[in-house]
């Protein structure tokens, strides 16, 4: 099974959105919107890692 291109695209989009939010908030990493986006990105990366681990075991 190949890693989902859709998931990779979601990760890249979330990463880009996080970067834009940090810029918009003048580097304010503690801003609620930045934290929320960072958590969403973390979840996508965790999902990617779970799938990756499963694929390497088979």
C-alpha atoms as a PDB file:
ATOM      1  CA  UNK A   1       0.000   0.000   0.000  1.00  0.00           C
ATOM      2  CA  UNK A   2       1.413   3.372  -1.007  1.00  0.00           C
ATOM      3  CA  UNK A   3       1.152   6.375   1.319  1.00  0.00           C
ATOM      4  CA  UNK A   4      -1.904   8.371   0.399  1.00  0.00           C
ATOM      5  CA  UNK A   5      -1.110  11.360  -1.789  1.00  0.00           C
ATOM      6  CA  UNK A   6      -4.204  12.996  -0.324  1.00  0.00           C
ATOM      7  CA  UNK A   7      -2.768  12.726   3.203  1.00  0.00           C
ATOM      8  CA  UNK A   8       0.566  14.147   2.074  1.00  0.00           C
ATOM      9  CA  UNK A   9      -1.265  17.055   0.439  1.00  0.00           C
ATOM     10  CA  UNK A  10      -3.270  17.671   3.622  1.00  0.00           C
ATOM     11  CA  UNK A  11      -0.042  17.772   5.644  1.00  0.00           C
ATOM     12  CA  UNK A  12       1.552  20.214   3.228  1.00  0.00           C
ATOM     13  CA  UNK A  13      -1.518  22.452   3.232  1.00  0.00           C
ATOM     14  CA  UNK A  14      -1.691  22.408   7.047  1.00  0.00           C
ATOM     15  CA  UNK A  15       2.023  23.233   7.254  1.00  0.00           C
ATOM     16  CA  UNK A  16       1.572  26.133   4.850  1.00  0.00           C
ATOM     17  CA  UNK A  17      -1.436  27.432   6.796  1.00  0.00           C
ATOM     18  CA  UNK A  18       0.560  27.242  10.038  1.00  0.00           C
ATOM     19  CA  UNK A  19       3.386  29.229   8.494  1.00  0.00           C
ATOM     20  CA  UNK A  20       0.920  31.905   7.288  1.00  0.00           C
ATOM     21  CA  UNK A  21      -0.692  32.143  10.727  1.00  0.00           C
ATOM     22  CA  UNK A  22       2.675  32.609  12.426  1.00  0.00           C
ATOM     23  CA  UNK A  23       3.543  35.390   9.970  1.00  0.00           C
ATOM     24  CA  UNK A  24       0.145  37.025  10.403  1.00  0.00           C
ATOM     25  CA  UNK A  25       0.564  36.990  14.183  1.00  0.00           C
ATOM     26  CA  UNK A  26       4.094  38.420  13.979  1.00  0.00           C
ATOM     27  CA  UNK A  27       5.766  35.222  15.144  1.00  0.00           C
ATOM     28  CA  UNK A  28       3.350  34.789  18.027  1.00  0.00           C
ATOM     29  CA  UNK A  29       3.569  31.043  18.579  1.00  0.00           C
ATOM     30  CA  UNK A  30       1.258  31.275  21.579  1.00  0.00           C
ATOM     31  CA  UNK A  31      -1.659  32.734  19.616  1.00  0.00           C
ATOM     32  CA  UNK A  32      -4.721  30.449  19.892  1.00  0.00           C
ATOM     33  CA  UNK A  33      -5.089  30.154  16.106  1.00  0.00           C
ATOM     34  CA  UNK A  34      -1.440  29.123  15.748  1.00  0.00           C
ATOM     35  CA  UNK A  35      -1.748  26.536  18.515  1.00  0.00           C
ATOM     36  CA  UNK A  36      -4.948  25.153  16.999  1.00  0.00           C
ATOM     37  CA  UNK A  37      -3.345  24.827  13.547  1.00  0.00           C
ATOM     38  CA  UNK A  38      -0.220  23.288  15.046  1.00  0.00           C
ATOM     39  CA  UNK A  39      -2.344  20.652  16.786  1.00  0.00           C
ATOM     40  CA  UNK A  40      -4.168  19.886  13.527  1.00  0.00           C
ATOM     41  CA  UNK A  41      -0.828  19.464  11.756  1.00  0.00           C
ATOM     42  CA  UNK A  42       0.394  17.200  14.570  1.00  0.00           C
ATOM     43  CA  UNK A  43      -2.633  14.958  14.119  1.00  0.00           C
ATOM     44  CA  UNK A  44      -2.010  14.630  10.388  1.00  0.00           C
ATOM     45  CA  UNK A  45       1.661  13.830  10.967  1.00  0.00           C
ATOM     46  CA  UNK A  46       0.713  11.242  13.602  1.00  0.00           C
ATOM     47  CA  UNK A  47      -1.678   9.627  11.137  1.00  0.00           C
ATOM     48  CA  UNK A  48       1.065   9.577   8.493  1.00  0.00           C
ATOM     49  CA  UNK A  49       3.457   7.930  10.961  1.00  0.00           C
ATOM     50  CA  UNK A  50       0.877   5.311  11.989  1.00  0.00           C
ATOM     51  CA  UNK A  51       0.273   4.376   8.355  1.00  0.00           C
ATOM     52  CA  UNK A  52       3.990   4.366   7.620  1.00  0.00           C
ATOM     53  CA  UNK A  53       4.718   2.066  10.569  1.00  0.00           C
ATOM     54  CA  UNK A  54       1.951  -0.305   9.533  1.00  0.00           C
ATOM     55  CA  UNK A  55       3.246  -0.475   5.968  1.00  0.00           C
ATOM     56  CA  UNK A  56       6.798  -1.283   7.041  1.00  0.00           C
ATOM     57  CA  UNK A  57       5.611  -4.179   9.211  1.00  0.00           C
ATOM     58  CA  UNK A  58       3.894  -5.950   6.331  1.00  0.00           C
END
